[in-house]
PDB file of N, CA and C in Angstrom:
ATOM      1  N   UNK A   1     -36.570   9.028  43.305  1.00  0.00           N
ATOM      2  CA  UNK A   1     -36.904   9.988  44.887  1.00  0.00           C
ATOM      3  C   UNK A   1     -36.875   8.453  45.680  1.00  0.00           C
ATOM      4  N   UNK A   2     -36.096   9.046  46.917  1.00  0.00           N
ATOM      5  CA  UNK A   2     -36.005   8.107  47.953  1.00  0.00           C
ATOM      6  C   UNK A   2     -37.742   7.945  48.652  1.00  0.00           C
ATOM      7  N   UNK A   3     -37.612   6.754  49.308  1.00  0.00           N
ATOM      8  CA  UNK A   3     -38.640   6.516  49.799  1.00  0.00           C
ATOM      9  C   UNK A   3     -38.600   7.341  51.012  1.00  0.00           C
ATOM     10  N   UNK A   4     -40.114   7.445  51.529  1.00  0.00           N
ATOM     11  CA  UNK A   4     -40.114   8.448  52.706  1.00  0.00           C
ATOM     12  C   UNK A   4     -40.407   7.745  53.916  1.00  0.00           C
ATOM     13  N   UNK A   5     -40.292   6.351  53.780  1.00  0.00           N
ATOM     14  CA  UNK A   5     -39.903   5.542  55.098  1.00  0.00           C
ATOM     15  C   UNK A   5     -38.825   5.012  55.445  1.00  0.00           C
ATOM     16  N   UNK A   6     -38.187   5.305  56.351  1.00  0.00           N
ATOM     17  CA  UNK A   6     -37.230   4.926  57.013  1.00  0.00           C
ATOM     18  C   UNK A   6     -37.314   4.213  58.322  1.00  0.00           C
ATOM     19  N   UNK A   7     -36.195   3.286  58.512  1.00  0.00           N
ATOM     20  CA  UNK A   7     -35.928   2.651  59.920  1.00  0.00           C
ATOM     21  C   UNK A   7     -34.961   3.148  60.635  1.00  0.00           C
ATOM     22  N   UNK A   8     -34.958   2.720  61.920  1.00  0.00           N
ATOM     23  CA  UNK A   8     -33.811   3.025  62.618  1.00  0.00           C
ATOM     24  C   UNK A   8     -32.829   2.395  62.240  1.00  0.00           C
ATOM     25  N   UNK A   9     -31.516   2.667  62.144  1.00  0.00           N
ATOM     26  CA  UNK A   9     -30.408   1.678  61.623  1.00  0.00           C
ATOM     27  C   UNK A   9     -29.080   2.145  62.283  1.00  0.00           C
ATOM     28  N   UNK A  10     -29.178   2.923  63.230  1.00  0.00           N
ATOM     29  CA  UNK A  10     -27.758   3.402  63.686  1.00  0.00           C
ATOM     30  C   UNK A  10     -27.397   2.239  64.669  1.00  0.00           C
ATOM     31  N   UNK A  11     -25.881   2.331  64.708  1.00  0.00           N
ATOM     32  CA  UNK A  11     -25.587   1.419  65.974  1.00  0.00           C
ATOM     33  C   UNK A  11     -25.153   2.133  67.130  1.00  0.00           C
ATOM     34  N   UNK A  12     -25.199   2.303  68.498  1.00  0.00           N
ATOM     35  CA  UNK A  12     -24.817   3.177  69.115  1.00  0.00           C
ATOM     36  C   UNK A  12     -24.924   2.498  70.349  1.00  0.00           C
ATOM     37  N   UNK A  13     -24.133   2.908  71.370  1.00  0.00           N
ATOM     38  CA  UNK A  13     -24.347   2.516  72.844  1.00  0.00           C
ATOM     39  C   UNK A  13     -25.198   3.551  73.667  1.00  0.00           C
ATOM     40  N   UNK A  14     -25.335   4.567  73.202  1.00  0.00           N
ATOM     41  CA  UNK A  14     -26.097   5.525  73.687  1.00  0.00           C
ATOM     42  C   UNK A  14     -27.604   5.192  73.086  1.00  0.00           C
ATOM     43  N   UNK A  15     -28.450   5.422  74.447  1.00  0.00           N
ATOM     44  CA  UNK A  15     -30.030   5.412  74.408  1.00  0.00           C
ATOM     45  C   UNK A  15     -30.827   6.604  73.606  1.00  0.00           C
ATOM     46  N   UNK A  16     -31.600   6.210  72.815  1.00  0.00           N
ATOM     47  CA  UNK A  16     -32.357   7.479  72.297  1.00  0.00           C
ATOM     48  C   UNK A  16     -31.848   8.380  71.445  1.00  0.00           C
ATOM     49  N   UNK A  17     -30.926   8.175  70.879  1.00  0.00           N
ATOM     50  CA  UNK A  17     -30.055   9.145  69.813  1.00  0.00           C
ATOM     51  C   UNK A  17     -31.081   9.336  68.783  1.00  0.00           C
ATOM     52  N   UNK A  18     -31.195  10.796  68.578  1.00  0.00           N
ATOM     53  CA  UNK A  18     -32.041  11.546  67.623  1.00  0.00           C
ATOM     54  C   UNK A  18     -31.039  12.674  66.735  1.00  0.00           C
ATOM     55  N   UNK A  19     -31.250  12.536  65.379  1.00  0.00           N
ATOM     56  CA  UNK A  19     -30.847  13.678  64.814  1.00  0.00           C
ATOM     57  C   UNK A  19     -31.780  14.654  64.202  1.00  0.00           C
ATOM     58  N   UNK A  20     -31.555  15.838  64.506  1.00  0.00           N
ATOM     59  CA  UNK A  20     -32.322  17.219  63.755  1.00  0.00           C
ATOM     60  C   UNK A  20     -31.518  17.805  62.921  1.00  0.00           C
ATOM     61  N   UNK A  21     -32.048  17.953  61.827  1.00  0.00           N
ATOM     62  CA  UNK A  21     -31.375  18.786  60.997  1.00  0.00           C
ATOM     63  C   UNK A  21     -32.122  20.328  60.585  1.00  0.00           C
ATOM     64  N   UNK A  22     -31.034  21.159  60.189  1.00  0.00           N
ATOM     65  CA  UNK A  22     -31.782  22.768  59.885  1.00  0.00           C
ATOM     66  C   UNK A  22     -31.121  23.120  58.779  1.00  0.00           C
ATOM     67  N   UNK A  23     -31.624  24.204  57.846  1.00  0.00           N
ATOM     68  CA  UNK A  23     -31.331  24.696  56.731  1.00  0.00           C
ATOM     69  C   UNK A  23     -31.383  25.843  56.870  1.00  0.00           C
ATOM     70  N   UNK A  24     -30.685  27.082  56.776  1.00  0.00           N
ATOM     71  CA  UNK A  24     -30.341  28.154  57.160  1.00  0.00           C
ATOM     72  C   UNK A  24     -30.180  29.128  56.075  1.00  0.00           C
ATOM     73  N   UNK A  25     -30.832  29.756  55.218  1.00  0.00           N
ATOM     74  CA  UNK A  25     -30.652  30.840  54.318  1.00  0.00           C
ATOM     75  C   UNK A  25     -29.819  32.059  55.173  1.00  0.00           C
ATOM     76  N   UNK A  26     -28.981  32.624  54.435  1.00  0.00           N
ATOM     77  CA  UNK A  26     -28.049  33.488  55.437  1.00  0.00           C
ATOM     78  C   UNK A  26     -28.191  34.685  54.113  1.00  0.00           C
ATOM     79  N   UNK A  27     -28.950  35.851  54.699  1.00  0.00           N
ATOM     80  CA  UNK A  27     -29.218  37.119  54.049  1.00  0.00           C
ATOM     81  C   UNK A  27     -28.200  38.089  54.433  1.00  0.00           C
ATOM     82  N   UNK A  28     -28.506  39.463  53.918  1.00  0.00           N
ATOM     83  CA  UNK A  28     -27.326  40.385  54.393  1.00  0.00           C
ATOM     84  C   UNK A  28     -27.272  40.767  55.860  1.00  0.00           C
ATOM     85  N   UNK A  29     -25.960  41.213  56.158  1.00  0.00           N
ATOM     86  CA  UNK A  29     -25.473  41.084  57.714  1.00  0.00           C
ATOM     87  C   UNK A  29     -25.769  39.914  58.352  1.00  0.00           C
ATOM     88  N   UNK A  30     -25.425  38.799  57.651  1.00  0.00           N
ATOM     89  CA  UNK A  30     -25.649  37.753  58.292  1.00  0.00           C
ATOM     90  C   UNK A  30     -26.975  37.316  59.049  1.00  0.00           C
ATOM     91  N   UNK A  31     -28.135  38.183  58.261  1.00  0.00           N
ATOM     92  CA  UNK A  31     -29.600  37.654  58.914  1.00  0.00           C
ATOM     93  C   UNK A  31     -29.925  36.374  58.433  1.00  0.00           C
ATOM     94  N   UNK A  32     -30.294  35.125  59.626  1.00  0.00           N
ATOM     95  CA  UNK A  32     -31.063  33.901  59.087  1.00  0.00           C
ATOM     96  C   UNK A  32     -32.324  33.447  58.700  1.00  0.00           C
ATOM     97  N   UNK A  33     -32.599  33.081  57.841  1.00  0.00           N
ATOM     98  CA  UNK A  33     -34.006  32.547  57.644  1.00  0.00           C
ATOM     99  C   UNK A  33     -33.982  31.065  57.410  1.00  0.00           C
ATOM    100  N   UNK A  34     -34.993  30.550  58.719  1.00  0.00           N
ATOM    101  CA  UNK A  34     -35.074  28.977  58.694  1.00  0.00           C
ATOM    102  C   UNK A  34     -35.917  28.456  57.724  1.00  0.00           C
ATOM    103  N   UNK A  35     -35.375  27.293  57.043  1.00  0.00           N
ATOM    104  CA  UNK A  35     -36.359  26.826  55.823  1.00  0.00           C
ATOM    105  C   UNK A  35     -37.105  26.054  56.945  1.00  0.00           C
ATOM    106  N   UNK A  36     -38.535  25.963  57.449  1.00  0.00           N
ATOM    107  CA  UNK A  36     -39.014  25.348  58.228  1.00  0.00           C
ATOM    108  C   UNK A  36     -39.354  23.869  57.586  1.00  0.00           C
ATOM    109  N   UNK A  37     -39.990  23.750  56.691  1.00  0.00           N
ATOM    110  CA  UNK A  37     -40.104  22.429  55.861  1.00  0.00           C
ATOM    111  C   UNK A  37     -38.984  21.639  55.891  1.00  0.00           C
ATOM    112  N   UNK A  38     -37.656  21.758  56.037  1.00  0.00           N
ATOM    113  CA  UNK A  38     -36.544  21.385  55.881  1.00  0.00           C
ATOM    114  C   UNK A  38     -35.524  21.138  57.387  1.00  0.00           C
ATOM    115  N   UNK A  39     -36.337  21.869  58.365  1.00  0.00           N
ATOM    116  CA  UNK A  39     -35.745  21.734  59.250  1.00  0.00           C
ATOM    117  C   UNK A  39     -36.586  21.272  60.523  1.00  0.00           C
ATOM    118  N   UNK A  40     -37.139  20.251  60.475  1.00  0.00           N
ATOM    119  CA  UNK A  40     -38.230  19.725  61.653  1.00  0.00           C
ATOM    120  C   UNK A  40     -37.456  19.499  62.814  1.00  0.00           C
ATOM    121  N   UNK A  41     -38.237  19.692  63.890  1.00  0.00           N
ATOM    122  CA  UNK A  41     -37.341  19.621  65.206  1.00  0.00           C
ATOM    123  C   UNK A  41     -36.760  21.126  65.817  1.00  0.00           C
ATOM    124  N   UNK A  42     -36.555  21.852  64.518  1.00  0.00           N
ATOM    125  CA  UNK A  42     -35.740  23.141  64.713  1.00  0.00           C
ATOM    126  C   UNK A  42     -37.118  24.438  64.929  1.00  0.00           C
ATOM    127  N   UNK A  43     -37.129  25.053  65.813  1.00  0.00           N
ATOM    128  CA  UNK A  43     -38.489  26.038  65.880  1.00  0.00           C
ATOM    129  C   UNK A  43     -37.660  27.220  65.263  1.00  0.00           C
ATOM    130  N   UNK A  44     -36.712  27.782  65.787  1.00  0.00           N
ATOM    131  CA  UNK A  44     -36.191  29.263  65.122  1.00  0.00           C
ATOM    132  C   UNK A  44     -34.532  29.287  65.019  1.00  0.00           C
ATOM    133  N   UNK A  45     -34.058  30.271  64.531  1.00  0.00           N
ATOM    134  CA  UNK A  45     -32.488  30.480  64.401  1.00  0.00           C
ATOM    135  C   UNK A  45     -33.020  32.339  64.544  1.00  0.00           C
ATOM    136  N   UNK A  46     -31.895  32.780  65.392  1.00  0.00           N
ATOM    137  CA  UNK A  46     -31.841  33.970  65.167  1.00  0.00           C
ATOM    138  C   UNK A  46     -30.390  34.513  65.634  1.00  0.00           C
ATOM    139  N   UNK A  47     -29.997  35.499  64.878  1.00  0.00           N
ATOM    140  CA  UNK A  47     -28.483  36.188  65.071  1.00  0.00           C
ATOM    141  C   UNK A  47     -28.405  37.056  66.272  1.00  0.00           C
ATOM    142  N   UNK A  48     -27.598  36.766  67.252  1.00  0.00           N
ATOM    143  CA  UNK A  48     -27.255  37.208  68.461  1.00  0.00           C
ATOM    144  C   UNK A  48     -26.325  38.405  68.318  1.00  0.00           C
ATOM    145  N   UNK A  49     -25.152  38.277  67.808  1.00  0.00           N
ATOM    146  CA  UNK A  49     -24.213  39.120  67.450  1.00  0.00           C
ATOM    147  C   UNK A  49     -23.553  38.675  65.935  1.00  0.00           C
ATOM    148  N   UNK A  50     -22.380  39.338  65.644  1.00  0.00           N
ATOM    149  CA  UNK A  50     -21.585  38.858  64.559  1.00  0.00           C
ATOM    150  C   UNK A  50     -21.012  37.676  64.545  1.00  0.00           C
ATOM    151  N   UNK A  51     -21.652  36.583  63.886  1.00  0.00           N
ATOM    152  CA  UNK A  51     -21.094  35.333  63.674  1.00  0.00           C
ATOM    153  C   UNK A  51     -21.490  34.537  64.688  1.00  0.00           C
ATOM    154  N   UNK A  52     -22.698  34.669  65.339  1.00  0.00           N
ATOM    155  CA  UNK A  52     -23.061  34.043  66.569  1.00  0.00           C
ATOM    156  C   UNK A  52     -24.753  33.690  66.258  1.00  0.00           C
ATOM    157  N   UNK A  53     -24.981  32.773  66.184  1.00  0.00           N
ATOM    158  CA  UNK A  53     -26.619  32.232  66.104  1.00  0.00           C
ATOM    159  C   UNK A  53     -27.406  31.479  67.149  1.00  0.00           C
ATOM    160  N   UNK A  54     -28.428  31.535  67.621  1.00  0.00           N
ATOM    161  CA  UNK A  54     -29.031  31.101  68.636  1.00  0.00           C
ATOM    162  C   UNK A  54     -29.996  30.285  68.130  1.00  0.00           C
ATOM    163  N   UNK A  55     -29.994  28.816  68.295  1.00  0.00           N
ATOM    164  CA  UNK A  55     -30.574  27.695  67.832  1.00  0.00           C
ATOM    165  C   UNK A  55     -31.732  27.442  68.738  1.00  0.00           C
ATOM    166  N   UNK A  56     -32.913  27.363  68.465  1.00  0.00           N
ATOM    167  CA  UNK A  56     -34.138  27.151  69.537  1.00  0.00           C
ATOM    168  C   UNK A  56     -34.702  25.949  68.902  1.00  0.00           C
ATOM    169  N   UNK A  57     -34.875  24.788  69.351  1.00  0.00           N
ATOM    170  CA  UNK A  57     -35.368  23.636  69.470  1.00  0.00           C
ATOM    171  C   UNK A  57     -36.617  23.357  69.669  1.00  0.00           C
ATOM    172  N   UNK A  58     -37.711  22.760  69.015  1.00  0.00           N
ATOM    173  CA  UNK A  58     -38.906  22.634  69.116  1.00  0.00           C
ATOM    174  C   UNK A  58     -39.306  21.913  70.607  1.00  0.00           C
ATOM    175  N   UNK A  59     -38.383  21.280  71.198  1.00  0.00           N
ATOM    176  CA  UNK A  59     -38.407  20.343  72.335  1.00  0.00           C
ATOM    177  C   UNK A  59     -37.225  20.661  73.123  1.00  0.00           C
ATOM    178  N   UNK A  60     -37.464  20.343  74.630  1.00  0.00           N
ATOM    179  CA  UNK A  60     -36.106  20.364  75.301  1.00  0.00           C
ATOM    180  C   UNK A  60     -35.581  18.732  75.241  1.00  0.00           C
ATOM    181  N   UNK A  61     -34.276  18.623  75.273  1.00  0.00           N
ATOM    182  CA  UNK A  61     -33.753  17.018  75.215  1.00  0.00           C
ATOM    183  C   UNK A  61     -32.631  17.196  76.609  1.00  0.00           C
ATOM    184  N   UNK A  62     -32.704  15.794  76.959  1.00  0.00           N
ATOM    185  CA  UNK A  62     -31.632  15.465  78.130  1.00  0.00           C
ATOM    186  C   UNK A  62     -30.046  15.830  77.710  1.00  0.00           C
ATOM    187  N   UNK A  63     -29.838  15.780  76.365  1.00  0.00           N
ATOM    188  CA  UNK A  63     -28.271  16.057  76.396  1.00  0.00           C
ATOM    189  C   UNK A  63     -27.964  16.338  74.617  1.00  0.00           C
ATOM    190  N   UNK A  64     -26.997  17.056  74.546  1.00  0.00           N
ATOM    191  CA  UNK A  64     -26.548  17.524  73.578  1.00  0.00           C
ATOM    192  C   UNK A  64     -25.178  16.671  73.156  1.00  0.00           C
ATOM    193  N   UNK A  65     -25.413  15.773  72.017  1.00  0.00           N
ATOM    194  CA  UNK A  65     -24.285  14.678  71.886  1.00  0.00           C
ATOM    195  C   UNK A  65     -23.176  15.290  70.774  1.00  0.00           C
ATOM    196  N   UNK A  66     -23.932  16.056  69.771  1.00  0.00           N
ATOM    197  CA  UNK A  66     -22.800  16.622  68.612  1.00  0.00           C
ATOM    198  C   UNK A  66     -23.675  17.511  67.870  1.00  0.00           C
ATOM    199  N   UNK A  67     -22.765  18.383  67.394  1.00  0.00           N
ATOM    200  CA  UNK A  67     -23.383  19.745  66.356  1.00  0.00           C
ATOM    201  C   UNK A  67     -22.336  19.313  65.088  1.00  0.00           C
ATOM    202  N   UNK A  68     -22.678  19.298  63.942  1.00  0.00           N
ATOM    203  CA  UNK A  68     -21.879  19.396  62.834  1.00  0.00           C
ATOM    204  C   UNK A  68     -22.480  20.424  61.739  1.00  0.00           C
ATOM    205  N   UNK A  69     -21.670  21.236  60.969  1.00  0.00           N
ATOM    206  CA  UNK A  69     -22.272  22.329  60.442  1.00  0.00           C
ATOM    207  C   UNK A  69     -21.196  22.447  58.893  1.00  0.00           C
ATOM    208  N   UNK A  70     -21.943  23.105  58.207  1.00  0.00           N
ATOM    209  CA  UNK A  70     -21.531  23.392  56.718  1.00  0.00           C
ATOM    210  C   UNK A  70     -22.050  24.568  56.066  1.00  0.00           C
ATOM    211  N   UNK A  71     -21.336  25.089  55.311  1.00  0.00           N
ATOM    212  CA  UNK A  71     -21.749  26.229  54.690  1.00  0.00           C
ATOM    213  C   UNK A  71     -22.198  25.938  53.006  1.00  0.00           C
ATOM    214  N   UNK A  72     -23.108  26.161  52.598  1.00  0.00           N
ATOM    215  CA  UNK A  72     -23.179  25.829  50.983  1.00  0.00           C
ATOM    216  C   UNK A  72     -23.029  27.249  50.183  1.00  0.00           C
ATOM    217  N   UNK A  73     -22.193  26.963  49.087  1.00  0.00           N
ATOM    218  CA  UNK A  73     -22.388  28.238  48.354  1.00  0.00           C
ATOM    219  C   UNK A  73     -21.537  29.386  48.798  1.00  0.00           C
ATOM    220  N   UNK A  74     -20.493  29.090  49.369  1.00  0.00           N
ATOM    221  CA  UNK A  74     -19.493  30.156  49.758  1.00  0.00           C
ATOM    222  C   UNK A  74     -18.244  30.394  49.169  1.00  0.00           C
ATOM    223  N   UNK A  75     -17.666  31.481  49.378  1.00  0.00           N
ATOM    224  CA  UNK A  75     -16.222  31.917  48.820  1.00  0.00           C
ATOM    225  C   UNK A  75     -15.119  31.546  49.597  1.00  0.00           C
ATOM    226  N   UNK A  76     -15.463  31.571  50.740  1.00  0.00           N
ATOM    227  CA  UNK A  76     -14.449  31.515  51.685  1.00  0.00           C
ATOM    228  C   UNK A  76     -15.084  30.368  53.103  1.00  0.00           C
ATOM    229  N   UNK A  77     -14.350  29.643  53.307  1.00  0.00           N
ATOM    230  CA  UNK A  77     -14.527  28.645  54.072  1.00  0.00           C
ATOM    231  C   UNK A  77     -14.423  29.131  55.655  1.00  0.00           C
ATOM    232  N   UNK A  78     -15.570  28.418  56.621  1.00  0.00           N
ATOM    233  CA  UNK A  78     -15.839  28.876  58.057  1.00  0.00           C
ATOM    234  C   UNK A  78     -15.792  27.761  58.685  1.00  0.00           C
ATOM    235  N   UNK A  79     -15.750  27.905  60.105  1.00  0.00           N
ATOM    236  CA  UNK A  79     -15.796  26.548  60.965  1.00  0.00           C
ATOM    237  C   UNK A  79     -16.902  27.055  61.662  1.00  0.00           C
ATOM    238  N   UNK A  80     -17.311  25.836  62.658  1.00  0.00           N
ATOM    239  CA  UNK A  80     -18.685  26.027  63.177  1.00  0.00           C
ATOM    240  C   UNK A  80     -18.094  25.551  64.528  1.00  0.00           C
ATOM    241  N   UNK A  81     -18.386  26.395  65.965  1.00  0.00           N
ATOM    242  CA  UNK A  81     -18.181  26.098  67.047  1.00  0.00           C
ATOM    243  C   UNK A  81     -19.314  26.473  67.829  1.00  0.00           C
ATOM    244  N   UNK A  82     -19.687  25.491  68.855  1.00  0.00           N
ATOM    245  CA  UNK A  82     -20.848  25.334  69.693  1.00  0.00           C
ATOM    246  C   UNK A  82     -20.482  26.375  71.043  1.00  0.00           C
ATOM    247  N   UNK A  83     -20.958  27.507  71.303  1.00  0.00           N
ATOM    248  CA  UNK A  83     -20.417  28.393  72.358  1.00  0.00           C
ATOM    249  C   UNK A  83     -21.095  28.029  73.752  1.00  0.00           C
ATOM    250  N   UNK A  84     -22.216  27.816  73.689  1.00  0.00           N
ATOM    251  CA  UNK A  84     -23.004  27.176  74.761  1.00  0.00           C
ATOM    252  C   UNK A  84     -24.314  26.405  74.439  1.00  0.00           C
ATOM    253  N   UNK A  85     -24.758  25.357  75.227  1.00  0.00           N
ATOM    254  CA  UNK A  85     -25.897  25.024  74.861  1.00  0.00           C
ATOM    255  C   UNK A  85     -26.742  24.717  76.244  1.00  0.00           C
ATOM    256  N   UNK A  86     -27.905  24.658  76.056  1.00  0.00           N
ATOM    257  CA  UNK A  86     -28.787  24.619  77.203  1.00  0.00           C
ATOM    258  C   UNK A  86     -30.095  23.930  76.402  1.00  0.00           C
ATOM    259  N   UNK A  87     -29.672  22.733  76.058  1.00  0.00           N
ATOM    260  CA  UNK A  87     -30.977  21.882  75.682  1.00  0.00           C
ATOM    261  C   UNK A  87     -31.682  21.176  76.648  1.00  0.00           C
ATOM    262  N   UNK A  88     -31.416  20.772  77.537  1.00  0.00           N
ATOM    263  CA  UNK A  88     -32.031  20.206  78.710  1.00  0.00           C
ATOM    264  C   UNK A  88     -32.904  21.500  79.265  1.00  0.00           C
ATOM    265  N   UNK A  89     -32.523  22.547  79.727  1.00  0.00           N
ATOM    266  CA  UNK A  89     -33.291  23.753  80.436  1.00  0.00           C
ATOM    267  C   UNK A  89     -34.105  24.451  79.470  1.00  0.00           C
ATOM    268  N   UNK A  90     -33.573  25.043  78.432  1.00  0.00           N
ATOM    269  CA  UNK A  90     -34.179  25.799  77.310  1.00  0.00           C
ATOM    270  C   UNK A  90     -34.293  25.418  76.054  1.00  0.00           C
ATOM    271  N   UNK A  91     -33.604  24.475  75.771  1.00  0.00           N
ATOM    272  CA  UNK A  91     -33.957  23.684  74.382  1.00  0.00           C
ATOM    273  C   UNK A  91     -33.240  24.611  73.317  1.00  0.00           C
ATOM    274  N   UNK A  92     -32.055  24.964  73.915  1.00  0.00           N
ATOM    275  CA  UNK A  92     -31.485  25.994  72.797  1.00  0.00           C
ATOM    276  C   UNK A  92     -29.921  25.780  72.772  1.00  0.00           C
ATOM    277  N   UNK A  93     -29.340  25.993  71.495  1.00  0.00           N
ATOM    278  CA  UNK A  93     -27.783  26.151  71.693  1.00  0.00           C
ATOM    279  C   UNK A  93     -27.224  27.430  70.812  1.00  0.00           C
ATOM    280  N   UNK A  94     -26.161  27.646  71.429  1.00  0.00           N
ATOM    281  CA  UNK A  94     -25.362  29.054  70.522  1.00  0.00           C
ATOM    282  C   UNK A  94     -24.315  28.568  69.868  1.00  0.00           C
ATOM    283  N   UNK A  95     -24.574  28.858  68.469  1.00  0.00           N
ATOM    284  CA  UNK A  95     -23.228  28.513  67.703  1.00  0.00           C
ATOM    285  C   UNK A  95     -22.757  29.750  66.989  1.00  0.00           C
ATOM    286  N   UNK A  96     -21.020  29.346  66.899  1.00  0.00           N
ATOM    287  CA  UNK A  96     -20.370  30.438  66.360  1.00  0.00           C
ATOM    288  C   UNK A  96     -19.959  30.169  64.670  1.00  0.00           C
ATOM    289  N   UNK A  97     -20.125  30.996  64.090  1.00  0.00           N
ATOM    290  CA  UNK A  97     -19.271  30.673  62.613  1.00  0.00           C
ATOM    291  C   UNK A  97     -18.338  31.424  62.535  1.00  0.00           C
ATOM    292  N   UNK A  98     -17.046  31.023  62.286  1.00  0.00           N
ATOM    293  CA  UNK A  98     -15.605  31.677  62.571  1.00  0.00           C
ATOM    294  C   UNK A  98     -14.934  31.441  61.270  1.00  0.00           C
ATOM    295  N   UNK A  99     -14.232  32.400  60.807  1.00  0.00           N
ATOM    296  CA  UNK A  99     -13.119  32.477  59.723  1.00  0.00           C
ATOM    297  C   UNK A  99     -11.593  33.093  60.724  1.00  0.00           C
ATOM    298  N   UNK A 100     -10.765  32.533  60.247  1.00  0.00           N
ATOM    299  CA  UNK A 100      -9.359  32.764  60.960  1.00  0.00           C
ATOM    300  C   UNK A 100      -9.840  32.802  62.513  1.00  0.00           C
ATOM    301  N   UNK A 101     -10.181  31.875  63.340  1.00  0.00           N
ATOM    302  CA  UNK A 101     -10.749  32.007  64.693  1.00  0.00           C
ATOM    303  C   UNK A 101     -11.340  33.318  65.325  1.00  0.00           C
ATOM    304  N   UNK A 102     -11.790  33.914  64.097  1.00  0.00           N
ATOM    305  CA  UNK A 102     -12.593  35.123  64.734  1.00  0.00           C
ATOM    306  C   UNK A 102     -14.148  34.808  64.293  1.00  0.00           C
ATOM    307  N   UNK A 103     -15.079  35.018  64.878  1.00  0.00           N
ATOM    308  CA  UNK A 103     -16.537  35.452  64.851  1.00  0.00           C
ATOM    309  C   UNK A 103     -17.030  35.945  63.366  1.00  0.00           C
ATOM    310  N   UNK A 104     -17.666  35.506  62.490  1.00  0.00           N
ATOM    311  CA  UNK A 104     -17.586  36.161  61.150  1.00  0.00           C
ATOM    312  C   UNK A 104     -19.087  35.542  60.598  1.00  0.00           C
ATOM    313  N   UNK A 105     -19.877  36.703  60.044  1.00  0.00           N
ATOM    314  CA  UNK A 105     -20.772  36.189  59.537  1.00  0.00           C
ATOM    315  C   UNK A 105     -20.639  35.287  58.244  1.00  0.00           C
ATOM    316  N   UNK A 106     -21.487  34.540  58.013  1.00  0.00           N
ATOM    317  CA  UNK A 106     -21.515  33.868  56.670  1.00  0.00           C
ATOM    318  C   UNK A 106     -21.615  34.566  55.873  1.00  0.00           C
ATOM    319  N   UNK A 107     -21.451  34.457  54.613  1.00  0.00           N
ATOM    320  CA  UNK A 107     -21.729  34.988  52.929  1.00  0.00           C
ATOM    321  C   UNK A 107     -22.954  35.351  52.850  1.00  0.00           C
ATOM    322  N   UNK A 108     -23.207  36.375  52.525  1.00  0.00           N
ATOM    323  CA  UNK A 108     -24.873  36.808  52.189  1.00  0.00           C
ATOM    324  C   UNK A 108     -25.143  35.937  50.940  1.00  0.00           C
ATOM    325  N   UNK A 109     -26.190  35.415  50.875  1.00  0.00           N
ATOM    326  CA  UNK A 109     -26.839  34.367  49.828  1.00  0.00           C
ATOM    327  C   UNK A 109     -26.174  32.721  50.171  1.00  0.00           C
ATOM    328  N   UNK A 110     -25.675  32.562  50.962  1.00  0.00           N
ATOM    329  CA  UNK A 110     -25.277  30.968  51.290  1.00  0.00           C
ATOM    330  C   UNK A 110     -26.491  30.281  52.189  1.00  0.00           C
ATOM    331  N   UNK A 111     -26.096  29.055  52.271  1.00  0.00           N
ATOM    332  CA  UNK A 111     -27.274  28.482  53.230  1.00  0.00           C
ATOM    333  C   UNK A 111     -26.298  27.674  54.177  1.00  0.00           C
ATOM    334  N   UNK A 112     -26.557  27.427  55.378  1.00  0.00           N
ATOM    335  CA  UNK A 112     -25.935  26.887  56.539  1.00  0.00           C
ATOM    336  C   UNK A 112     -26.925  25.743  56.808  1.00  0.00           C
ATOM    337  N   UNK A 113     -26.268  24.385  56.773  1.00  0.00           N
ATOM    338  CA  UNK A 113     -26.791  23.129  57.197  1.00  0.00           C
ATOM    339  C   UNK A 113     -26.125  22.780  58.241  1.00  0.00           C
ATOM    340  N   UNK A 114     -27.143  22.383  59.230  1.00  0.00           N
ATOM    341  CA  UNK A 114     -26.610  22.072  60.748  1.00  0.00           C
ATOM    342  C   UNK A 114     -27.419  20.580  61.013  1.00  0.00           C
ATOM    343  N   UNK A 115     -26.532  19.592  61.218  1.00  0.00           N
ATOM    344  CA  UNK A 115     -27.002  18.381  62.101  1.00  0.00           C
ATOM    345  C   UNK A 115     -26.692  18.525  63.443  1.00  0.00           C
ATOM    346  N   UNK A 116     -27.857  18.247  64.288  1.00  0.00           N
ATOM    347  CA  UNK A 116     -27.934  18.243  65.970  1.00  0.00           C
ATOM    348  C   UNK A 116     -27.898  16.966  66.323  1.00  0.00           C
ATOM    349  N   UNK A 117     -27.063  16.446  66.960  1.00  0.00           N
ATOM    350  CA  UNK A 117     -27.307  15.007  67.601  1.00  0.00           C
ATOM    351  C   UNK A 117     -27.463  15.144  69.066  1.00  0.00           C
ATOM    352  N   UNK A 118     -28.886  14.585  69.345  1.00  0.00           N
ATOM    353  CA  UNK A 118     -29.332  14.766  70.996  1.00  0.00           C
ATOM    354  C   UNK A 118     -29.577  13.348  71.402  1.00  0.00           C
ATOM    355  N   UNK A 119     -29.166  13.428  72.770  1.00  0.00           N
ATOM    356  CA  UNK A 119     -29.863  12.403  73.624  1.00  0.00           C
ATOM    357  C   UNK A 119     -31.672  12.295  73.857  1.00  0.00           C
ATOM    358  N   UNK A 120     -32.352  11.522  73.863  1.00  0.00           N
ATOM    359  CA  UNK A 120     -33.642  11.654  73.817  1.00  0.00           C
ATOM    360  C   UNK A 120     -34.221  10.615  74.914  1.00  0.00           C
ATOM    361  N   UNK A 121     -33.160  10.413  75.914  1.00  0.00           N
ATOM    362  CA  UNK A 121     -33.394   9.462  77.185  1.00  0.00           C
ATOM    363  C   UNK A 121     -32.483   9.928  78.372  1.00  0.00           C
ATOM    364  N   UNK A 122     -33.089   9.569  79.294  1.00  0.00           N
ATOM    365  CA  UNK A 122     -32.495   9.964  80.599  1.00  0.00           C
ATOM    366  C   UNK A 122     -31.426   8.893  80.938  1.00  0.00           C
ATOM    367  N   UNK A 123     -31.428   7.464  80.234  1.00  0.00           N
ATOM    368  CA  UNK A 123     -31.013   6.600  80.384  1.00  0.00           C
ATOM    369  C   UNK A 123     -29.467   6.506  80.127  1.00  0.00           C
TER     370      UNK A 123
END
């Protein structure tokens, strides 16, 4: 087992960088279920339309720095694209999952993993 006590070790010129992680199970018709225990800092995930998901954070942040996504257990590859973000005003970001440049729901029974890097400082 890994130690549950970690120290800040990232080297960056940005002040107050934080990473949030989300683990999302995908059901029939792309329906997402957020694994709350594995998604600290993420309040909810909902499907807006085919291949589009609204991620609501537990808090608002001054800026979005980066989003990385991965699909686990899929037969086909998908890509991730941030459609829009409002982390400062609403604490949300909208993410597309795409196959061949078309918004596509991830496969039923797969898991989406997101890493959301934010700035937690106004400096």
